[in-house]
Amino acid sequence: MDSEANKREQSFWAVKKTERGWVETLDSFSLKLTPAWFDFVERLLLLGALKYLLDHGNNWFVTTIYLISLAVFFFYLQALLYSFPFDRFLPEKWKKSTRFASIFSLTVAAILLYAIKLVLNSVVAAFVIK
């Protein structure tokens, strides 16, 4: 287990950087974040469109596509959270094992998916013409 702990990167809070180092880190992060952000928003819009079609058409095919999309999106969120080096932001005493990353990513992915579903329901309801 000790060798596993040595493989992890140093905690974010323990890193000492110059101002230039922080600017380079922020620039690198921004260049990676922007395309990923718009890919994520695209997925949300697609889920919203499927939810809208489901609410107004009640077709078995749309229902199947929507449910499969929710399941796939859950696994996407879980993989994204698992691969994110969030443990660098935790104090050293909280880092125990990679099992924590698995439990954390599954739990947060489920909570995020539930929250996203609630938000999509309210957004789709706002676009309904009465």
C-alpha atoms as a PDB file:
ATOM      1  CA  MET A   1       0.000   0.000   0.000  1.00  0.00           C
ATOM      2  CA  ASP A   2       2.920   2.312   0.679  1.00  0.00           C
ATOM      3  CA  SER A   3       4.124   2.018  -2.925  1.00  0.00           C
ATOM      4  CA  GLU A   4       0.607   2.928  -4.098  1.00  0.00           C
ATOM      5  CA  ALA A   5       0.708   6.116  -2.021  1.00  0.00           C
ATOM      6  CA  ASN A   6       4.078   7.032  -3.552  1.00  0.00           C
ATOM      7  CA  LYS A   7       2.615   6.869  -7.071  1.00  0.00           C
ATOM      8  CA  ARG A   8       0.086   9.608  -6.333  1.00  0.00           C
ATOM      9  CA  GLU A   9       0.991  13.179  -7.112  1.00  0.00           C
ATOM     10  CA  GLN A  10       1.828  15.653  -4.412  1.00  0.00           C
ATOM     11  CA  SER A  11      -1.108  17.394  -2.766  1.00  0.00           C
ATOM     12  CA  PHE A  12      -2.266  20.570  -4.487  1.00  0.00           C
ATOM     13  CA  TRP A  13      -1.843  22.466  -1.218  1.00  0.00           C
ATOM     14  CA  ALA A  14       1.783  21.379  -0.805  1.00  0.00           C
ATOM     15  CA  VAL A  15       2.862  22.604  -4.264  1.00  0.00           C
ATOM     16  CA  LYS A  16       4.874  25.812  -4.162  1.00  0.00           C
ATOM     17  CA  LYS A  17       4.730  27.698  -7.481  1.00  0.00           C
ATOM     18  CA  THR A  18       5.764  31.098  -8.669  1.00  0.00           C
ATOM     19  CA  GLU A  19       3.247  33.499 -10.182  1.00  0.00           C
ATOM     20  CA  ARG A  20       4.435  32.468 -13.637  1.00  0.00           C
ATOM     21  CA  GLY A  21       3.988  28.813 -12.712  1.00  0.00           C
ATOM     22  CA  TRP A  22       0.397  29.446 -11.634  1.00  0.00           C
ATOM     23  CA  VAL A  23      -0.334  31.373 -14.854  1.00  0.00           C
ATOM     24  CA  GLU A  24       1.055  28.497 -16.928  1.00  0.00           C
ATOM     25  CA  THR A  25      -1.030  26.034 -14.935  1.00  0.00           C
ATOM     26  CA  LEU A  26      -4.161  28.142 -15.421  1.00  0.00           C
ATOM     27  CA  ASP A  27      -3.508  28.526 -19.160  1.00  0.00           C
ATOM     28  CA  SER A  28      -2.961  24.804 -19.601  1.00  0.00           C
ATOM     29  CA  PHE A  29      -6.092  24.039 -17.595  1.00  0.00           C
ATOM     30  CA  SER A  30      -8.167  26.541 -19.617  1.00  0.00           C
ATOM     31  CA  LEU A  31      -7.037  25.069 -22.928  1.00  0.00           C
ATOM     32  CA  LYS A  32      -8.086  21.617 -21.779  1.00  0.00           C
ATOM     33  CA  LEU A  33     -11.271  22.761 -20.062  1.00  0.00           C
ATOM     34  CA  THR A  34     -12.898  24.759 -22.866  1.00  0.00           C
ATOM     35  CA  PRO A  35     -13.432  21.908 -25.371  1.00  0.00           C
ATOM     36  CA  ALA A  36     -14.393  19.529 -22.579  1.00  0.00           C
ATOM     37  CA  TRP A  37     -16.915  22.064 -21.231  1.00  0.00           C
ATOM     38  CA  PHE A  38     -18.668  22.483 -24.567  1.00  0.00           C
ATOM     39  CA  ASP A  39     -18.725  18.714 -25.113  1.00  0.00           C
ATOM     40  CA  PHE A  40     -20.383  18.411 -21.701  1.00  0.00           C
ATOM     41  CA  VAL A  41     -22.933  21.144 -22.499  1.00  0.00           C
ATOM     42  CA  GLU A  42     -23.681  19.418 -25.810  1.00  0.00           C
ATOM     43  CA  ARG A  43     -24.458  16.203 -23.939  1.00  0.00           C
ATOM     44  CA  LEU A  44     -26.740  18.083 -21.543  1.00  0.00           C
ATOM     45  CA  LEU A  45     -28.601  19.750 -24.409  1.00  0.00           C
ATOM     46  CA  LEU A  46     -29.054  16.399 -26.127  1.00  0.00           C
ATOM     47  CA  LEU A  47     -30.438  14.867 -22.929  1.00  0.00           C
ATOM     48  CA  GLY A  48     -32.777  17.857 -22.599  1.00  0.00           C
ATOM     49  CA  ALA A  49     -33.975  17.444 -26.189  1.00  0.00           C
ATOM     50  CA  LEU A  50     -34.618  13.739 -25.596  1.00  0.00           C
ATOM     51  CA  LYS A  51     -36.523  14.572 -22.397  1.00  0.00           C
ATOM     52  CA  TYR A  52     -38.613  17.123 -24.302  1.00  0.00           C
ATOM     53  CA  LEU A  53     -39.436  14.550 -27.002  1.00  0.00           C
ATOM     54  CA  LEU A  54     -40.251  11.982 -24.335  1.00  0.00           C
ATOM     55  CA  ASP A  55     -42.616  14.344 -22.529  1.00  0.00           C
ATOM     56  CA  HIS A  56     -44.429  15.348 -25.717  1.00  0.00           C
ATOM     57  CA  GLY A  57     -44.383  12.167 -27.752  1.00  0.00           C
ATOM     58  CA  ASN A  58     -44.321   9.324 -25.250  1.00  0.00           C
ATOM     59  CA  ASN A  59     -42.825   7.018 -27.874  1.00  0.00           C
ATOM     60  CA  TRP A  60     -41.209   3.719 -26.795  1.00  0.00           C
ATOM     61  CA  PHE A  61     -38.175   4.361 -29.002  1.00  0.00           C
ATOM     62  CA  VAL A  62     -37.530   7.804 -27.518  1.00  0.00           C
ATOM     63  CA  THR A  63     -38.044   6.376 -24.019  1.00  0.00           C
ATOM     64  CA  THR A  64     -35.475   3.649 -24.713  1.00  0.00           C
ATOM     65  CA  ILE A  65     -32.943   6.093 -26.168  1.00  0.00           C
ATOM     66  CA  TYR A  66     -33.451   8.484 -23.227  1.00  0.00           C
ATOM     67  CA  LEU A  67     -32.967   5.760 -20.590  1.00  0.00           C
ATOM     68  CA  ILE A  68     -29.909   4.345 -22.336  1.00  0.00           C
ATOM     69  CA  SER A  69     -28.514   7.872 -22.646  1.00  0.00           C
ATOM     70  CA  LEU A  70     -29.006   8.490 -18.920  1.00  0.00           C
ATOM     71  CA  ALA A  71     -27.213   5.236 -18.083  1.00  0.00           C
ATOM     72  CA  VAL A  72     -24.338   5.974 -20.445  1.00  0.00           C
ATOM     73  CA  PHE A  73     -24.108   9.530 -19.090  1.00  0.00           C
ATOM     74  CA  PHE A  74     -23.893   8.132 -15.542  1.00  0.00           C
ATOM     75  CA  PHE A  75     -20.937   5.945 -16.533  1.00  0.00           C
ATOM     76  CA  TYR A  76     -19.352   8.912 -18.320  1.00  0.00           C
ATOM     77  CA  LEU A  77     -19.644  11.021 -15.150  1.00  0.00           C
ATOM     78  CA  GLN A  78     -18.271   8.183 -13.039  1.00  0.00           C
ATOM     79  CA  ALA A  79     -15.272   7.675 -15.351  1.00  0.00           C
ATOM     80  CA  LEU A  80     -14.647  11.414 -15.521  1.00  0.00           C
ATOM     81  CA  LEU A  81     -14.686  11.737 -11.743  1.00  0.00           C
ATOM     82  CA  TYR A  82     -12.563   8.612 -11.268  1.00  0.00           C
ATOM     83  CA  SER A  83      -9.895   9.846 -13.677  1.00  0.00           C
ATOM     84  CA  PHE A  84      -9.812  13.362 -12.214  1.00  0.00           C
ATOM     85  CA  PRO A  85      -6.902  13.665  -9.775  1.00  0.00           C
ATOM     86  CA  PHE A  86      -9.140  15.066  -7.046  1.00  0.00           C
ATOM     87  CA  ASP A  87      -6.999  13.457  -4.363  1.00  0.00           C
ATOM     88  CA  ARG A  88      -4.415  16.181  -4.960  1.00  0.00           C
ATOM     89  CA  PHE A  89      -6.913  18.599  -3.408  1.00  0.00           C
ATOM     90  CA  LEU A  90      -7.382  16.505  -0.285  1.00  0.00           C
ATOM     91  CA  PRO A  91      -5.214  16.715   2.815  1.00  0.00           C
ATOM     92  CA  GLU A  92      -2.657  13.905   3.037  1.00  0.00           C
ATOM     93  CA  LYS A  93      -4.432  12.305   6.003  1.00  0.00           C
ATOM     94  CA  TRP A  94      -7.573  11.678   3.891  1.00  0.00           C
ATOM     95  CA  LYS A  95      -5.731   9.732   1.198  1.00  0.00           C
ATOM     96  CA  LYS A  96      -6.052   6.100   2.110  1.00  0.00           C
ATOM     97  CA  SER A  97      -6.429   4.016  -1.054  1.00  0.00           C
ATOM     98  CA  THR A  98      -7.749   3.931  -4.601  1.00  0.00           C
ATOM     99  CA  ARG A  99     -10.967   2.388  -3.224  1.00  0.00           C
ATOM    100  CA  PHE A 100     -11.850   5.855  -1.954  1.00  0.00           C
ATOM    101  CA  ALA A 101     -11.668   7.128  -5.566  1.00  0.00           C
ATOM    102  CA  SER A 102     -14.072   4.409  -6.736  1.00  0.00           C
ATOM    103  CA  ILE A 103     -16.622   5.021  -4.005  1.00  0.00           C
ATOM    104  CA  PHE A 104     -16.287   8.777  -4.353  1.00  0.00           C
ATOM    105  CA  SER A 105     -16.746   8.740  -8.143  1.00  0.00           C
ATOM    106  CA  LEU A 106     -19.776   6.422  -8.041  1.00  0.00           C
ATOM    107  CA  THR A 107     -21.469   8.413  -5.290  1.00  0.00           C
ATOM    108  CA  VAL A 108     -20.837  11.834  -6.791  1.00  0.00           C
ATOM    109  CA  ALA A 109     -21.800  10.620 -10.286  1.00  0.00           C
ATOM    110  CA  ALA A 110     -25.138   9.355  -8.956  1.00  0.00           C
ATOM    111  CA  ILE A 111     -25.787  12.635  -7.122  1.00  0.00           C
ATOM    112  CA  LEU A 112     -24.793  14.683 -10.189  1.00  0.00           C
ATOM    113  CA  LEU A 113     -26.983  12.610 -12.504  1.00  0.00           C
ATOM    114  CA  TYR A 114     -29.948  13.040 -10.173  1.00  0.00           C
ATOM    115  CA  ALA A 115     -29.349  16.809  -9.974  1.00  0.00           C
ATOM    116  CA  ILE A 116     -28.937  17.045 -13.759  1.00  0.00           C
ATOM    117  CA  LYS A 117     -32.173  15.111 -14.262  1.00  0.00           C
ATOM    118  CA  LEU A 118     -34.027  17.482 -11.913  1.00  0.00           C
ATOM    119  CA  VAL A 119     -32.627  20.537 -13.686  1.00  0.00           C
ATOM    120  CA  LEU A 120     -33.443  19.107 -17.119  1.00  0.00           C
ATOM    121  CA  ASN A 121     -36.999  18.410 -15.991  1.00  0.00           C
ATOM    122  CA  SER A 122     -37.437  22.008 -14.859  1.00  0.00           C
ATOM    123  CA  VAL A 123     -35.785  23.468 -17.982  1.00  0.00           C
ATOM    124  CA  VAL A 124     -37.902  21.330 -20.301  1.00  0.00           C
ATOM    125  CA  ALA A 125     -41.022  22.286 -18.334  1.00  0.00           C
ATOM    126  CA  ALA A 126     -40.141  25.979 -18.781  1.00  0.00           C
ATOM    127  CA  PHE A 127     -40.209  25.562 -22.574  1.00  0.00           C
ATOM    128  CA  VAL A 128     -43.634  23.952 -22.676  1.00  0.00           C
ATOM    129  CA  ILE A 129     -46.167  26.196 -24.396  1.00  0.00           C
ATOM    130  CA  LYS A 130     -49.387  26.321 -22.393  1.00  0.00           C
END
